């Protein structure tokens, strides 16, 4: 089963970190990503640009509305993700708990709907 591990952090915290702290965090993420790859569960993963770079699109009553920034004001912002394939939700939770941002942010574990491949 595929799971998306959505990493939610308070972006403002990163501005308070020293270069050494940022470097250490980057090394932790590198080691975590390598562990996912070595185990064979890694499918994809990316860091996102800050929420200030986002654009929100809605359509209401047939009218498109485009807004700069995230849709809602929240303490934590979506900062990145990992896509993994594991046997169970318990396995996905175990991997989610190892993400460095789990210590100060929130990791949402979301199963993907399996793709239906049409018969040929």
PDB file of N, CA and C in Angstrom:
ATOM      1  N   UNK A   1       0.847  -1.181   0.000  1.00  0.00           N
ATOM      2  CA  UNK A   1       0.000   0.000   0.000  1.00  0.00           C
ATOM      3  C   UNK A   1       0.888   1.238   0.000  1.00  0.00           C
ATOM      4  N   UNK A   2       0.492   2.232  -0.767  1.00  0.00           N
ATOM      5  CA  UNK A   2       1.246   3.484  -0.800  1.00  0.00           C
ATOM      6  C   UNK A   2       0.661   4.473   0.207  1.00  0.00           C
ATOM      7  N   UNK A   3       1.567   5.181   0.876  1.00  0.00           N
ATOM      8  CA  UNK A   3       1.192   6.199   1.856  1.00  0.00           C
ATOM      9  C   UNK A   3       1.965   7.476   1.560  1.00  0.00           C
ATOM     10  N   UNK A   4       1.283   8.596   1.732  1.00  0.00           N
ATOM     11  CA  UNK A   4       1.918   9.898   1.619  1.00  0.00           C
ATOM     12  C   UNK A   4       2.165  10.396   3.037  1.00  0.00           C
ATOM     13  N   UNK A   5       3.403  10.704   3.338  1.00  0.00           N
ATOM     14  CA  UNK A   5       3.768  11.264   4.637  1.00  0.00           C
ATOM     15  C   UNK A   5       3.912  12.768   4.435  1.00  0.00           C
ATOM     16  N   UNK A   6       2.926  13.524   4.895  1.00  0.00           N
ATOM     17  CA  UNK A   6       2.877  14.974   4.700  1.00  0.00           C
ATOM     18  C   UNK A   6       3.507  15.658   5.905  1.00  0.00           C
ATOM     19  N   UNK A   7       4.515  16.466   5.655  1.00  0.00           N
ATOM     20  CA  UNK A   7       5.304  17.090   6.716  1.00  0.00           C
ATOM     21  C   UNK A   7       4.798  18.517   6.936  1.00  0.00           C
ATOM     22  N   UNK A   8       4.237  18.757   8.118  1.00  0.00           N
ATOM     23  CA  UNK A   8       3.715  20.076   8.482  1.00  0.00           C
ATOM     24  C   UNK A   8       4.626  20.672   9.557  1.00  0.00           C
ATOM     25  N   UNK A   9       5.130  21.861   9.293  1.00  0.00           N
ATOM     26  CA  UNK A   9       6.033  22.562  10.210  1.00  0.00           C
ATOM     27  C   UNK A   9       5.620  24.016  10.345  1.00  0.00           C
ATOM     28  N   UNK A  10       6.115  24.656  11.388  1.00  0.00           N
ATOM     29  CA  UNK A  10       5.999  26.097  11.526  1.00  0.00           C
ATOM     30  C   UNK A  10       7.201  26.693  10.785  1.00  0.00           C
ATOM     31  N   UNK A  11       6.950  27.266   9.609  1.00  0.00           N
ATOM     32  CA  UNK A  11       8.041  27.788   8.768  1.00  0.00           C
ATOM     33  C   UNK A  11       8.894  28.838   9.480  1.00  0.00           C
ATOM     34  N   UNK A  12       8.288  29.598  10.394  1.00  0.00           N
ATOM     35  CA  UNK A  12       9.025  30.680  11.045  1.00  0.00           C
ATOM     36  C   UNK A  12      10.163  30.158  11.923  1.00  0.00           C
ATOM     37  N   UNK A  13      10.087  28.903  12.343  1.00  0.00           N
ATOM     38  CA  UNK A  13      11.134  28.328  13.194  1.00  0.00           C
ATOM     39  C   UNK A  13      12.468  28.272  12.451  1.00  0.00           C
ATOM     40  N   UNK A  14      12.430  27.993  11.155  1.00  0.00           N
ATOM     41  CA  UNK A  14      13.666  27.851  10.382  1.00  0.00           C
ATOM     42  C   UNK A  14      14.477  29.140  10.334  1.00  0.00           C
ATOM     43  N   UNK A  15      13.804  30.282  10.402  1.00  0.00           N
ATOM     44  CA  UNK A  15      14.501  31.571  10.392  1.00  0.00           C
ATOM     45  C   UNK A  15      15.278  31.797  11.685  1.00  0.00           C
ATOM     46  N   UNK A  16      14.934  31.070  12.739  1.00  0.00           N
ATOM     47  CA  UNK A  16      15.610  31.241  14.028  1.00  0.00           C
ATOM     48  C   UNK A  16      16.784  30.283  14.204  1.00  0.00           C
ATOM     49  N   UNK A  17      16.957  29.338  13.277  1.00  0.00           N
ATOM     50  CA  UNK A  17      18.023  28.346  13.408  1.00  0.00           C
ATOM     51  C   UNK A  17      19.349  28.887  12.883  1.00  0.00           C
ATOM     52  N   UNK A  18      20.425  28.491  13.538  1.00  0.00           N
ATOM     53  CA  UNK A  18      21.763  28.869  13.084  1.00  0.00           C
ATOM     54  C   UNK A  18      22.133  28.056  11.852  1.00  0.00           C
ATOM     55  N   UNK A  19      23.199  28.451  11.181  1.00  0.00           N
ATOM     56  CA  UNK A  19      23.687  27.688  10.015  1.00  0.00           C
ATOM     57  C   UNK A  19      24.027  26.248  10.415  1.00  0.00           C
ATOM     58  N   UNK A  20      24.637  26.076  11.585  1.00  0.00           N
ATOM     59  CA  UNK A  20      24.976  24.731  12.064  1.00  0.00           C
ATOM     60  C   UNK A  20      23.729  23.898  12.315  1.00  0.00           C
ATOM     61  N   UNK A  21      22.705  24.515  12.898  1.00  0.00           N
ATOM     62  CA  UNK A  21      21.461  23.788  13.158  1.00  0.00           C
ATOM     63  C   UNK A  21      20.769  23.400  11.852  1.00  0.00           C
ATOM     64  N   UNK A  22      20.754  24.318  10.879  1.00  0.00           N
ATOM     65  CA  UNK A  22      20.165  24.013   9.574  1.00  0.00           C
ATOM     66  C   UNK A  22      20.944  22.902   8.877  1.00  0.00           C
ATOM     67  N   UNK A  23      22.258  22.959   8.962  1.00  0.00           N
ATOM     68  CA  UNK A  23      23.090  21.931   8.357  1.00  0.00           C
ATOM     69  C   UNK A  23      22.849  20.578   9.011  1.00  0.00           C
ATOM     70  N   UNK A  24      22.753  20.565  10.328  1.00  0.00           N
ATOM     71  CA  UNK A  24      22.495  19.326  11.060  1.00  0.00           C
ATOM     72  C   UNK A  24      21.141  18.743  10.680  1.00  0.00           C
ATOM     73  N   UNK A  25      20.130  19.594  10.564  1.00  0.00           N
ATOM     74  CA  UNK A  25      18.800  19.144  10.174  1.00  0.00           C
ATOM     75  C   UNK A  25      18.825  18.573   8.753  1.00  0.00           C
ATOM     76  N   UNK A  26      19.553  19.258   7.862  1.00  0.00           N
ATOM     77  CA  UNK A  26      19.692  18.756   6.496  1.00  0.00           C
ATOM     78  C   UNK A  26      20.357  17.391   6.459  1.00  0.00           C
ATOM     79  N   UNK A  27      21.354  17.194   7.300  1.00  0.00           N
ATOM     80  CA  UNK A  27      22.018  15.892   7.374  1.00  0.00           C
ATOM     81  C   UNK A  27      21.072  14.817   7.912  1.00  0.00           C
ATOM     82  N   UNK A  28      20.243  15.183   8.888  1.00  0.00           N
ATOM     83  CA  UNK A  28      19.255  14.234   9.412  1.00  0.00           C
ATOM     84  C   UNK A  28      18.273  13.812   8.319  1.00  0.00           C
ATOM     85  N   UNK A  29      17.809  14.785   7.553  1.00  0.00           N
ATOM     86  CA  UNK A  29      16.888  14.464   6.457  1.00  0.00           C
ATOM     87  C   UNK A  29      17.573  13.608   5.407  1.00  0.00           C
ATOM     88  N   UNK A  30      18.827  13.895   5.113  1.00  0.00           N
ATOM     89  CA  UNK A  30      19.569  13.078   4.161  1.00  0.00           C
ATOM     90  C   UNK A  30      19.687  11.639   4.634  1.00  0.00           C
ATOM     91  N   UNK A  31      19.991  11.455   5.908  1.00  0.00           N
ATOM     92  CA  UNK A  31      20.111  10.102   6.468  1.00  0.00           C
ATOM     93  C   UNK A  31      18.762   9.391   6.463  1.00  0.00           C
ATOM     94  N   UNK A  32      17.699  10.118   6.781  1.00  0.00           N
ATOM     95  CA  UNK A  32      16.355   9.522   6.773  1.00  0.00           C
ATOM     96  C   UNK A  32      15.978   9.084   5.358  1.00  0.00           C
ATOM     97  N   UNK A  33      16.216   9.950   4.382  1.00  0.00           N
ATOM     98  CA  UNK A  33      15.903   9.625   2.988  1.00  0.00           C
ATOM     99  C   UNK A  33      16.696   8.411   2.532  1.00  0.00           C
ATOM    100  N   UNK A  34      17.959   8.356   2.901  1.00  0.00           N
ATOM    101  CA  UNK A  34      18.795   7.213   2.532  1.00  0.00           C
ATOM    102  C   UNK A  34      18.280   5.928   3.173  1.00  0.00           C
ATOM    103  N   UNK A  35      17.805   6.012   4.422  1.00  0.00           N
ATOM    104  CA  UNK A  35      17.251   4.826   5.093  1.00  0.00           C
ATOM    105  C   UNK A  35      15.994   4.328   4.379  1.00  0.00           C
ATOM    106  N   UNK A  36      15.150   5.261   3.932  1.00  0.00           N
ATOM    107  CA  UNK A  36      13.967   4.870   3.157  1.00  0.00           C
ATOM    108  C   UNK A  36      14.380   4.154   1.872  1.00  0.00           C
ATOM    109  N   UNK A  37      15.364   4.724   1.179  1.00  0.00           N
ATOM    110  CA  UNK A  37      15.811   4.143  -0.089  1.00  0.00           C
ATOM    111  C   UNK A  37      16.436   2.772   0.131  1.00  0.00           C
ATOM    112  N   UNK A  38      17.279   2.651   1.141  1.00  0.00           N
ATOM    113  CA  UNK A  38      17.950   1.387   1.430  1.00  0.00           C
ATOM    114  C   UNK A  38      16.942   0.291   1.776  1.00  0.00           C
ATOM    115  N   UNK A  39      15.875   0.656   2.462  1.00  0.00           N
ATOM    116  CA  UNK A  39      14.863  -0.324   2.864  1.00  0.00           C
ATOM    117  C   UNK A  39      13.962  -0.746   1.706  1.00  0.00           C
ATOM    118  N   UNK A  40      13.974   0.035   0.615  1.00  0.00           N
ATOM    119  CA  UNK A  40      13.152  -0.295  -0.544  1.00  0.00           C
ATOM    120  C   UNK A  40      11.742   0.260  -0.511  1.00  0.00           C
ATOM    121  N   UNK A  41      11.395   1.091   0.484  1.00  0.00           N
ATOM    122  CA  UNK A  41      10.034   1.622   0.574  1.00  0.00           C
ATOM    123  C   UNK A  41       9.876   2.998  -0.078  1.00  0.00           C
ATOM    124  N   UNK A  42      10.986   3.660  -0.370  1.00  0.00           N
ATOM    125  CA  UNK A  42      10.961   5.017  -0.928  1.00  0.00           C
ATOM    126  C   UNK A  42      10.420   5.015  -2.354  1.00  0.00           C
ATOM    127  N   UNK A  43       9.474   5.918  -2.628  1.00  0.00           N
ATOM    128  CA  UNK A  43       8.961   6.111  -3.986  1.00  0.00           C
ATOM    129  C   UNK A  43       9.248   7.518  -4.487  1.00  0.00           C
ATOM    130  N   UNK A  44       9.131   8.520  -3.610  1.00  0.00           N
ATOM    131  CA  UNK A  44       9.406   9.904  -3.982  1.00  0.00           C
ATOM    132  C   UNK A  44       9.421  10.739  -2.711  1.00  0.00           C
ATOM    133  N   UNK A  45       9.940  11.917  -2.794  1.00  0.00           N
ATOM    134  CA  UNK A  45       9.936  12.841  -1.674  1.00  0.00           C
ATOM    135  C   UNK A  45      10.491  14.177  -2.117  1.00  0.00           C
ATOM    136  N   UNK A  46       9.909  15.246  -1.613  1.00  0.00           N
ATOM    137  CA  UNK A  46      10.359  16.582  -1.996  1.00  0.00           C
ATOM    138  C   UNK A  46      10.092  17.583  -0.879  1.00  0.00           C
ATOM    139  N   UNK A  47      10.945  18.594  -0.853  1.00  0.00           N
ATOM    140  CA  UNK A  47      10.693  19.750   0.001  1.00  0.00           C
ATOM    141  C   UNK A  47       9.924  20.749  -0.847  1.00  0.00           C
ATOM    142  N   UNK A  48       8.976  21.430  -0.248  1.00  0.00           N
ATOM    143  CA  UNK A  48       8.194  22.437  -0.960  1.00  0.00           C
ATOM    144  C   UNK A  48       8.770  23.824  -0.726  1.00  0.00           C
ATOM    145  N   UNK A  49       8.522  24.720  -1.668  1.00  0.00           N
ATOM    146  CA  UNK A  49       8.831  26.132  -1.464  1.00  0.00           C
ATOM    147  C   UNK A  49       7.987  26.623  -0.281  1.00  0.00           C
ATOM    148  N   UNK A  50       8.349  27.748   0.347  1.00  0.00           N
ATOM    149  CA  UNK A  50       7.565  28.245   1.485  1.00  0.00           C
ATOM    150  C   UNK A  50       6.113  28.537   1.078  1.00  0.00           C
ATOM    151  N   UNK A  51       5.233  28.533   2.059  1.00  0.00           N
ATOM    152  CA  UNK A  51       3.815  28.760   1.766  1.00  0.00           C
ATOM    153  C   UNK A  51       3.574  30.128   1.133  1.00  0.00           C
ATOM    154  N   UNK A  52       4.477  31.067   1.348  1.00  0.00           N
ATOM    155  CA  UNK A  52       4.330  32.386   0.724  1.00  0.00           C
ATOM    156  C   UNK A  52       4.437  32.312  -0.799  1.00  0.00           C
ATOM    157  N   UNK A  53       4.999  31.221  -1.322  1.00  0.00           N
ATOM    158  CA  UNK A  53       5.117  31.041  -2.771  1.00  0.00           C
ATOM    159  C   UNK A  53       3.906  30.321  -3.359  1.00  0.00           C
ATOM    160  N   UNK A  54       2.960  29.935  -2.502  1.00  0.00           N
ATOM    161  CA  UNK A  54       1.812  29.165  -2.988  1.00  0.00           C
ATOM    162  C   UNK A  54       0.723  30.071  -3.549  1.00  0.00           C
ATOM    163  N   UNK A  55      -0.134  29.466  -4.339  1.00  0.00           N
ATOM    164  CA  UNK A  55      -1.301  30.121  -4.908  1.00  0.00           C
ATOM    165  C   UNK A  55      -2.495  29.209  -4.672  1.00  0.00           C
ATOM    166  N   UNK A  56      -3.586  29.768  -4.217  1.00  0.00           N
ATOM    167  CA  UNK A  56      -4.795  29.001  -3.961  1.00  0.00           C
ATOM    168  C   UNK A  56      -5.818  29.311  -5.036  1.00  0.00           C
ATOM    169  N   UNK A  57      -6.406  28.269  -5.601  1.00  0.00           N
ATOM    170  CA  UNK A  57      -7.416  28.417  -6.650  1.00  0.00           C
ATOM    171  C   UNK A  57      -8.721  27.802  -6.157  1.00  0.00           C
ATOM    172  N   UNK A  58      -9.792  28.560  -6.260  1.00  0.00           N
ATOM    173  CA  UNK A  58     -11.121  28.046  -5.965  1.00  0.00           C
ATOM    174  C   UNK A  58     -12.054  28.419  -7.114  1.00  0.00           C
ATOM    175  N   UNK A  59     -13.101  27.643  -7.280  1.00  0.00           N
ATOM    176  CA  UNK A  59     -14.148  27.966  -8.237  1.00  0.00           C
ATOM    177  C   UNK A  59     -15.466  27.933  -7.474  1.00  0.00           C
ATOM    178  N   UNK A  60     -16.154  29.069  -7.444  1.00  0.00           N
ATOM    179  CA  UNK A  60     -17.431  29.188  -6.743  1.00  0.00           C
ATOM    180  C   UNK A  60     -18.437  29.790  -7.704  1.00  0.00           C
ATOM    181  N   UNK A  61     -19.543  29.098  -7.849  1.00  0.00           N
ATOM    182  CA  UNK A  61     -20.593  29.543  -8.768  1.00  0.00           C
ATOM    183  C   UNK A  61     -20.035  29.822 -10.157  1.00  0.00           C
ATOM    184  N   UNK A  62     -19.116  28.956 -10.594  1.00  0.00           N
ATOM    185  CA  UNK A  62     -18.539  29.075 -11.921  1.00  0.00           C
ATOM    186  C   UNK A  62     -17.467  30.139 -12.064  1.00  0.00           C
ATOM    187  N   UNK A  63     -17.142  30.840 -10.986  1.00  0.00           N
ATOM    188  CA  UNK A  63     -16.133  31.898 -11.050  1.00  0.00           C
ATOM    189  C   UNK A  63     -14.838  31.436 -10.394  1.00  0.00           C
ATOM    190  N   UNK A  64     -13.747  31.576 -11.117  1.00  0.00           N
ATOM    191  CA  UNK A  64     -12.425  31.207 -10.608  1.00  0.00           C
ATOM    192  C   UNK A  64     -11.867  32.344  -9.762  1.00  0.00           C
ATOM    193  N   UNK A  65     -11.392  31.999  -8.586  1.00  0.00           N
ATOM    194  CA  UNK A  65     -10.768  32.978  -7.703  1.00  0.00           C
ATOM    195  C   UNK A  65      -9.361  32.482  -7.393  1.00  0.00           C
ATOM    196  N   UNK A  66      -8.370  33.326  -7.655  1.00  0.00           N
ATOM    197  CA  UNK A  66      -6.969  32.995  -7.412  1.00  0.00           C
ATOM    198  C   UNK A  66      -6.455  33.921  -6.313  1.00  0.00           C
ATOM    199  N   UNK A  67      -5.861  33.301  -5.277  1.00  0.00           N
ATOM    200  CA  UNK A  67      -5.356  34.054  -4.139  1.00  0.00           C
ATOM    201  C   UNK A  67      -3.909  33.676  -3.890  1.00  0.00           C
ATOM    202  N   UNK A  68      -3.062  34.674  -3.621  1.00  0.00           N
ATOM    203  CA  UNK A  68      -1.680  34.380  -3.250  1.00  0.00           C
ATOM    204  C   UNK A  68      -1.649  33.802  -1.845  1.00  0.00           C
ATOM    205  N   UNK A  69      -0.771  32.824  -1.661  1.00  0.00           N
ATOM    206  CA  UNK A  69      -0.579  32.243  -0.339  1.00  0.00           C
ATOM    207  C   UNK A  69      -1.523  31.098  -0.059  1.00  0.00           C
ATOM    208  N   UNK A  70      -1.366  30.514   1.127  1.00  0.00           N
ATOM    209  CA  UNK A  70      -2.204  29.369   1.490  1.00  0.00           C
ATOM    210  C   UNK A  70      -3.644  29.800   1.736  1.00  0.00           C
ATOM    211  N   UNK A  71      -4.539  28.824   1.669  1.00  0.00           N
ATOM    212  CA  UNK A  71      -5.963  29.086   1.826  1.00  0.00           C
ATOM    213  C   UNK A  71      -6.306  29.511   3.246  1.00  0.00           C
ATOM    214  N   UNK A  72      -5.722  28.856   4.239  1.00  0.00           N
ATOM    215  CA  UNK A  72      -6.076  29.118   5.632  1.00  0.00           C
ATOM    216  C   UNK A  72      -4.849  29.536   6.434  1.00  0.00           C
ATOM    217  N   UNK A  73      -5.080  30.374   7.418  1.00  0.00           N
ATOM    218  CA  UNK A  73      -4.016  30.733   8.353  1.00  0.00           C
ATOM    219  C   UNK A  73      -3.872  29.591   9.351  1.00  0.00           C
ATOM    220  N   UNK A  74      -2.690  29.023   9.421  1.00  0.00           N
ATOM    221  CA  UNK A  74      -2.447  27.941  10.367  1.00  0.00           C
ATOM    222  C   UNK A  74      -1.088  28.144  11.008  1.00  0.00           C
ATOM    223  N   UNK A  75      -0.868  27.484  12.125  1.00  0.00           N
ATOM    224  CA  UNK A  75       0.420  27.564  12.798  1.00  0.00           C
ATOM    225  C   UNK A  75       1.477  26.769  12.030  1.00  0.00           C
ATOM    226  N   UNK A  76       1.054  25.659  11.428  1.00  0.00           N
ATOM    227  CA  UNK A  76       1.973  24.813  10.675  1.00  0.00           C
ATOM    228  C   UNK A  76       1.606  24.831   9.199  1.00  0.00           C
ATOM    229  N   UNK A  77       2.637  24.766   8.357  1.00  0.00           N
ATOM    230  CA  UNK A  77       2.438  24.763   6.919  1.00  0.00           C
ATOM    231  C   UNK A  77       2.970  23.456   6.346  1.00  0.00           C
ATOM    232  N   UNK A  78       2.385  23.043   5.214  1.00  0.00           N
ATOM    233  CA  UNK A  78       2.879  21.861   4.512  1.00  0.00           C
ATOM    234  C   UNK A  78       4.226  22.210   3.909  1.00  0.00           C
ATOM    235  N   UNK A  79       5.267  21.495   4.335  1.00  0.00           N
ATOM    236  CA  UNK A  79       6.614  21.827   3.910  1.00  0.00           C
ATOM    237  C   UNK A  79       7.261  20.803   2.998  1.00  0.00           C
ATOM    238  N   UNK A  80       6.672  19.613   2.913  1.00  0.00           N
ATOM    239  CA  UNK A  80       7.247  18.575   2.065  1.00  0.00           C
ATOM    240  C   UNK A  80       6.508  17.273   2.251  1.00  0.00           C
ATOM    241  N   UNK A  81       6.994  16.256   1.562  1.00  0.00           N
ATOM    242  CA  UNK A  81       6.328  14.964   1.631  1.00  0.00           C
ATOM    243  C   UNK A  81       7.290  13.846   1.281  1.00  0.00           C
ATOM    244  N   UNK A  82       6.925  12.661   1.690  1.00  0.00           N
ATOM    245  CA  UNK A  82       7.536  11.421   1.231  1.00  0.00           C
ATOM    246  C   UNK A  82       6.409  10.514   0.771  1.00  0.00           C
ATOM    247  N   UNK A  83       6.620   9.850  -0.339  1.00  0.00           N
ATOM    248  CA  UNK A  83       5.716   8.819  -0.816  1.00  0.00           C
ATOM    249  C   UNK A  83       6.422   7.490  -0.597  1.00  0.00           C
ATOM    250  N   UNK A  84       5.793   6.623   0.194  1.00  0.00           N
ATOM    251  CA  UNK A  84       6.402   5.332   0.505  1.00  0.00           C
ATOM    252  C   UNK A  84       5.423   4.213   0.169  1.00  0.00           C
ATOM    253  N   UNK A  85       5.955   3.017  -0.002  1.00  0.00           N
ATOM    254  CA  UNK A  85       5.118   1.836  -0.194  1.00  0.00           C
ATOM    255  C   UNK A  85       5.519   0.807   0.844  1.00  0.00           C
ATOM    256  N   UNK A  86       4.577   0.524   1.746  1.00  0.00           N
ATOM    257  CA  UNK A  86       4.816  -0.414   2.846  1.00  0.00           C
ATOM    258  C   UNK A  86       3.625  -1.355   2.963  1.00  0.00           C
ATOM    259  N   UNK A  87       3.752  -2.361   3.817  1.00  0.00           N
ATOM    260  CA  UNK A  87       2.720  -3.379   3.960  1.00  0.00           C
ATOM    261  C   UNK A  87       1.506  -2.940   4.760  1.00  0.00           C
ATOM    262  N   UNK A  88       1.689  -1.978   5.682  1.00  0.00           N
ATOM    263  CA  UNK A  88       0.580  -1.664   6.580  1.00  0.00           C
ATOM    264  C   UNK A  88       0.652  -0.218   7.067  1.00  0.00           C
ATOM    265  N   UNK A  89      -0.461   0.243   7.629  1.00  0.00           N
ATOM    266  CA  UNK A  89      -0.499   1.556   8.257  1.00  0.00           C
ATOM    267  C   UNK A  89       0.506   1.624   9.401  1.00  0.00           C
ATOM    268  N   UNK A  90       0.636   0.552  10.160  1.00  0.00           N
ATOM    269  CA  UNK A  90       1.605   0.528  11.260  1.00  0.00           C
ATOM    270  C   UNK A  90       3.017   0.784  10.747  1.00  0.00           C
ATOM    271  N   UNK A  91       3.370   0.194   9.604  1.00  0.00           N
ATOM    272  CA  UNK A  91       4.689   0.427   9.012  1.00  0.00           C
ATOM    273  C   UNK A  91       4.844   1.888   8.596  1.00  0.00           C
ATOM    274  N   UNK A  92       3.797   2.451   8.006  1.00  0.00           N
ATOM    275  CA  UNK A  92       3.842   3.863   7.587  1.00  0.00           C
ATOM    276  C   UNK A  92       4.005   4.783   8.792  1.00  0.00           C
ATOM    277  N   UNK A  93       3.306   4.481   9.869  1.00  0.00           N
ATOM    278  CA  UNK A  93       3.416   5.281  11.089  1.00  0.00           C
ATOM    279  C   UNK A  93       4.829   5.186  11.662  1.00  0.00           C
ATOM    280  N   UNK A  94       5.399   4.004  11.626  1.00  0.00           N
ATOM    281  CA  UNK A  94       6.766   3.825  12.117  1.00  0.00           C
ATOM    282  C   UNK A  94       7.755   4.704  11.343  1.00  0.00           C
ATOM    283  N   UNK A  95       7.613   4.732  10.009  1.00  0.00           N
ATOM    284  CA  UNK A  95       8.479   5.587   9.196  1.00  0.00           C
ATOM    285  C   UNK A  95       8.191   7.067   9.452  1.00  0.00           C
ATOM    286  N   UNK A  96       6.926   7.428   9.609  1.00  0.00           N
ATOM    287  CA  UNK A  96       6.559   8.829   9.856  1.00  0.00           C
ATOM    288  C   UNK A  96       7.192   9.350  11.144  1.00  0.00           C
ATOM    289  N   UNK A  97       7.233   8.522  12.164  1.00  0.00           N
ATOM    290  CA  UNK A  97       7.793   8.925  13.456  1.00  0.00           C
ATOM    291  C   UNK A  97       9.283   9.212  13.375  1.00  0.00           C
ATOM    292  N   UNK A  98       9.952   8.700  12.348  1.00  0.00           N
ATOM    293  CA  UNK A  98      11.392   8.900  12.190  1.00  0.00           C
ATOM    294  C   UNK A  98      11.740  10.162  11.415  1.00  0.00           C
ATOM    295  N   UNK A  99      10.757  10.837  10.843  1.00  0.00           N
ATOM    296  CA  UNK A  99      11.020  12.075  10.105  1.00  0.00           C
ATOM    297  C   UNK A  99      11.477  13.132  11.105  1.00  0.00           C
ATOM    298  N   UNK A 100      12.594  13.819  10.839  1.00  0.00           N
ATOM    299  CA  UNK A 100      13.093  14.807  11.801  1.00  0.00           C
ATOM    300  C   UNK A 100      12.048  15.837  12.242  1.00  0.00           C
ATOM    301  N   UNK A 101      11.194  16.277  11.348  1.00  0.00           N
ATOM    302  CA  UNK A 101      10.187  17.288  11.701  1.00  0.00           C
ATOM    303  C   UNK A 101       9.090  16.767  12.618  1.00  0.00           C
ATOM    304  N   UNK A 102       9.023  15.465  12.840  1.00  0.00           N
ATOM    305  CA  UNK A 102       8.020  14.920  13.762  1.00  0.00           C
ATOM    306  C   UNK A 102       8.269  15.416  15.190  1.00  0.00           C
ATOM    307  N   UNK A 103       9.516  15.806  15.483  1.00  0.00           N
ATOM    308  CA  UNK A 103       9.849  16.272  16.833  1.00  0.00           C
ATOM    309  C   UNK A 103       9.219  17.627  17.157  1.00  0.00           C
ATOM    310  N   UNK A 104       9.018  18.477  16.151  1.00  0.00           N
ATOM    311  CA  UNK A 104       8.463  19.802  16.432  1.00  0.00           C
ATOM    312  C   UNK A 104       7.230  20.131  15.621  1.00  0.00           C
ATOM    313  N   UNK A 105       6.960  19.345  14.586  1.00  0.00           N
ATOM    314  CA  UNK A 105       5.807  19.580  13.732  1.00  0.00           C
ATOM    315  C   UNK A 105       4.862  18.395  13.777  1.00  0.00           C
ATOM    316  N   UNK A 106       4.158  18.200  12.687  1.00  0.00           N
ATOM    317  CA  UNK A 106       3.175  17.124  12.584  1.00  0.00           C
ATOM    318  C   UNK A 106       3.379  16.389  11.277  1.00  0.00           C
ATOM    319  N   UNK A 107       3.307  15.079  11.318  1.00  0.00           N
ATOM    320  CA  UNK A 107       3.383  14.271  10.107  1.00  0.00           C
ATOM    321  C   UNK A 107       2.019  13.628   9.894  1.00  0.00           C
ATOM    322  N   UNK A 108       1.394  13.952   8.778  1.00  0.00           N
ATOM    323  CA  UNK A 108       0.113  13.347   8.426  1.00  0.00           C
ATOM    324  C   UNK A 108       0.390  12.133   7.551  1.00  0.00           C
ATOM    325  N   UNK A 109      -0.159  10.999   7.926  1.00  0.00           N
ATOM    326  CA  UNK A 109      -0.006   9.758   7.170  1.00  0.00           C
ATOM    327  C   UNK A 109      -1.305   9.523   6.417  1.00  0.00           C
ATOM    328  N   UNK A 110      -1.232   9.557   5.095  1.00  0.00           N
ATOM    329  CA  UNK A 110      -2.441   9.446   4.276  1.00  0.00           C
ATOM    330  C   UNK A 110      -2.284   8.349   3.242  1.00  0.00           C
ATOM    331  N   UNK A 111      -3.154   7.313   3.281  1.00  0.00           N
ATOM    332  CA  UNK A 111      -3.071   6.269   2.264  1.00  0.00           C
ATOM    333  C   UNK A 111      -3.539   6.793   0.906  1.00  0.00           C
ATOM    334  N   UNK A 112      -2.918   6.316  -0.149  1.00  0.00           N
ATOM    335  CA  UNK A 112      -3.334   6.678  -1.498  1.00  0.00           C
ATOM    336  C   UNK A 112      -4.370   5.687  -1.992  1.00  0.00           C
ATOM    337  N   UNK A 113      -5.268   6.161  -2.815  1.00  0.00           N
ATOM    338  CA  UNK A 113      -6.241   5.277  -3.457  1.00  0.00           C
ATOM    339  C   UNK A 113      -5.492   4.547  -4.560  1.00  0.00           C
ATOM    340  N   UNK A 114      -5.541   3.218  -4.560  1.00  0.00           N
ATOM    341  CA  UNK A 114      -4.825   2.488  -5.612  1.00  0.00           C
ATOM    342  C   UNK A 114      -5.351   2.869  -6.995  1.00  0.00           C
ATOM    343  N   UNK A 115      -4.418   2.984  -7.953  1.00  0.00           N
ATOM    344  CA  UNK A 115      -4.785   3.303  -9.330  1.00  0.00           C
ATOM    345  C   UNK A 115      -5.369   2.062  -9.982  1.00  0.00           C
ATOM    346  N   UNK A 116      -6.458   2.229 -10.675  1.00  0.00           N
ATOM    347  CA  UNK A 116      -7.079   1.157 -11.434  1.00  0.00           C
ATOM    348  C   UNK A 116      -6.534   1.222 -12.847  1.00  0.00           C
ATOM    349  N   UNK A 117      -5.797   0.211 -13.262  1.00  0.00           N
ATOM    350  CA  UNK A 117      -5.234   0.170 -14.619  1.00  0.00           C
ATOM    351  C   UNK A 117      -6.260  -0.541 -15.500  1.00  0.00           C
ATOM    352  N   UNK A 118      -6.734   0.150 -16.546  1.00  0.00           N
ATOM    353  CA  UNK A 118      -7.733  -0.486 -17.412  1.00  0.00           C
ATOM    354  C   UNK A 118      -7.142  -1.725 -18.114  1.00  0.00           C
ATOM    355  N   UNK A 119      -7.995  -2.737 -18.262  1.00  0.00           N
ATOM    356  CA  UNK A 119      -7.586  -3.956 -18.963  1.00  0.00           C
ATOM    357  C   UNK A 119      -7.354  -3.626 -20.435  1.00  0.00           C
ATOM    358  N   UNK A 120      -6.356  -4.228 -21.012  1.00  0.00           N
ATOM    359  CA  UNK A 120      -6.020  -3.953 -22.409  1.00  0.00           C
ATOM    360  C   UNK A 120      -6.621  -4.986 -23.326  1.00  0.00           C
TER     361      UNK A 120
END
